[in-house]
Structures are given as C-alpha cells and as structure tokens.
Amino acid sequence: MTVSIALAGKPNTGKSTFFKAATLADVEIANYPFTTINANIGITHVRVKCPCDELAVKCENCIKGARFVPVELVDVAGLVPEAYKGRGLGNAFLDDLRQSEVIINVIDISGGTDIEGKPIGVGMHDPLDDVELLDKELTMWLCGIIQRNWARLARKTQLEEKIEHLLAIQLAGTNVNEHQIKNSIIKLGLLDKPPSKWTEAEICNLSYEIRKISKPMVVAANKKDIAPVQNLERLVLLKDRVIKTSAEAELALRLANKNRLIDYIPGDKHFKIIGAVSDQQKKGLEKILTLIAEEGTGVQTCINSAVFDVLDYIVVYPVEDENKLTDSNGNVLPDAFLMKRGQTVKDLAYKVHTDIGIGFLYAIDARNKKRLGEHHVLSNGDVIKIASTAKHK
C-alpha cells in the first residue's frame, strides 16, 4: 500500500490546480465552488537524492540525480462550514479523508476568497480562519463518531474492556489506531477517569487530540505571488507546518517542461528555456523564475514535507545483487520503497513480497557488505539485499 496524502481546503483556493500540478492529471479547474465533486485520485512523487552518484553506478531511474518515489494524492471535495453536519458536500468530503495518513490543507493566503470560497477582493478575508475551519470540521466529525452509542461504550468499560480498544472499533475506517487513541487519552489525563464520567467537552478535546495524531497537517499557503505582505507575515502564528506555494506557477512549469519548452525538475528553484517560446511566454516564464528563485513554487516541498517531516518515512533501495546493485534483469537500483522510520530489514522483505518476508533468512547492506539480522533497523538511503528461501518476484 502506498502512502496516501489528502488534499483539502475550501473551494477556490487553488486546490485542484495544486493537484493537477502535482500529478498532471486531467482535472477541471474553475473559480466557482464545488468544481471538485467526487474525489480525484492521482499519483504524485516525493523527491530524494538518488544514491547512484555516491555509489558510482549508472542509474536510469533518476533525473540528474533526483529520484522520484510515487505516493497517492487525493483531491477531496471543497470544504464549507458545518461540513460535519452534512452541509455542502460535507459527507463526501469527510469520507474521502478517511484513509489518508496526512492532509495538505490548501489555503488562499491572498485572502481573496471568503470562508465559503466565494471570490472577494484580495486581502479581504483572514486566511488563518481557513486553517481553523478544517481543524474544527475534522474534530467535530470524529467527535460525532465517538459520541454515537457513547453510553453503551462507557458501560462496556465497566466489564474490563479498554476504552481505547472500543474507540478503535468505533473509529474503524478512519485510519485511527488503538495506540493513537491511548496516547491521546493519556495526554488529556483521562486514563484514570471512568469514561462514563467524561464530559462532552472532554470527548471533543479527545477528538481534537486524535485528529492531530492521526490526521496531521501541512498548510499550503497558496497564491503566495499575489498575497499581501501582512498575510505572509502572519503565517508564523500557525502551529502546523506551513509552506508558501504557487500551484499556478508549478502547473505552468510542469506543462512547459512536458511540452519541451523548458528543462525543469519539480522542486528546483530554476529552469532553462530550451524550446521556441513567444515573447509573451518568455515574459511569463521570466516572472515565474523571479518568483521561485528563493523557495521554488513550494508544491514539491509540501509533498516532501508531508511524507518525510510529518509522517517520518525514509527511502530504502532493495536489490538482488549487492555487488552490482541490480535486480535479476540487470536494472541498477530498480526500486525505491518508502518505509516508516524504525522499521526493519524483515519489514522491507515483506514489503517486497509476502513470500520473501515469510522465507526471510538475512539481509546484506550493499554499501559495506555486512550481513544483517531480521531486527536490524533501516536507515534512510539504505541499499539492501534480502536473502530468502523464496524467489524475488
């Protein structure tokens, strides 16, 4: 199963533009509410440095040393206030968020759209309200699920059933696990208080803590190119990880690169014009070049931050020949797998194929040729050969 990132936010923030820029999928983009009705699901990529240069091998799976590892990106329906009550496309919006591990909350940092996503003048709306909106909607959604049959759940705890186990069952399908729930209960000091005596406020506070740990966020402060300076400066007030973005600029660059007008690698702060462009196109590209000179467009940074900084994944490269760093067909560094930090070489074996994991014998670190036992913890950038009684698939 690949890593899943949800792309959320109110209508008209540039969310669908972000999605198209990140995936080059064919989606409708328009400045009216609910352009996205059903979730768009596409494949985007995290960018990492390929180890081929360091290991002095020629690799055909990177672009000038940049390796791109696929992840799932889900563009959900636009958010409006009281979505948790079913307003707007609220039910569809929340259902589409269920299985995602992390959320990129796309806000209009220019302040040019109101709380429901309707266009107004730039600077006329406080974009920080949009961050609070998503937080509240997700918290109240989880709170509503937890409060269903609460009296029955509380009674069950009197029969020695653990509340975190019961809530994990209650929240099945939301990608929330028992460990996350217990940690949230401990943080709020509710572990020794009988659930039957928990107040409604305490249940809502618990829902908030569960949201933070199970649905962490990265804020994409979009439309940075037209945002008032005071809006950009206020981003320091946010608790979530914040990255300034211009999805429109990223989309323009990726399309120009696709059409061989420019040479651009997603995440770079520069590009080179290589095709025949009109004076108008050149002027537009020069404007974008100035915009991205310091921080890039921010789109690739958002995706990387969600996967590596927030979810704490690492990238590992399994090979079959630890000397040539190839698979059985001679492909150099053929695969790049995202693994949770703390996982072991045996976990990697299972990810390659279940049979490889079942038949695991040992692993070899391709860099130093050391043999590794099943409990050896992986490090970012590891190149690993798995020895197994099963054949590689």
Foldseek 3Di string as FASTA:
>chain_A
DFAEEEEAFAAQLCSVLLVCLQFVDDADDDQDAFSPQAKDKGKGWAKDFACCVVVVHDAPQADVRIHTAIHMYIYFHGDAAPLLVVPDVSVRRLLSQQAHQEYAYRWALQQQAERNRHGHHGPPHQRVVRVVRVLVSQLVNLLVLCPVVQVVLLVVVVVVDQSLVVSQVSSPRRQQHSVQLVVLCVVLVNRPPRSVPDDSVNSSSSSSSSCCNRYNYEYENEPPVNHDPVSVVCVVVDPGHYWYAYSVLSNVVVVCVVVQQWADDPFDLAIGGDDDDDPVVVVVVVVSSVVSNPPHRRSSVRVNCRQCVVQNKAKEFEEADLAQCHHPVSRHSPDIDIDHFQAWVLVVLVVQDVQSSVFFDWKAFSVVRDIGHRNHTDDHPTYMYTDGPDDGD
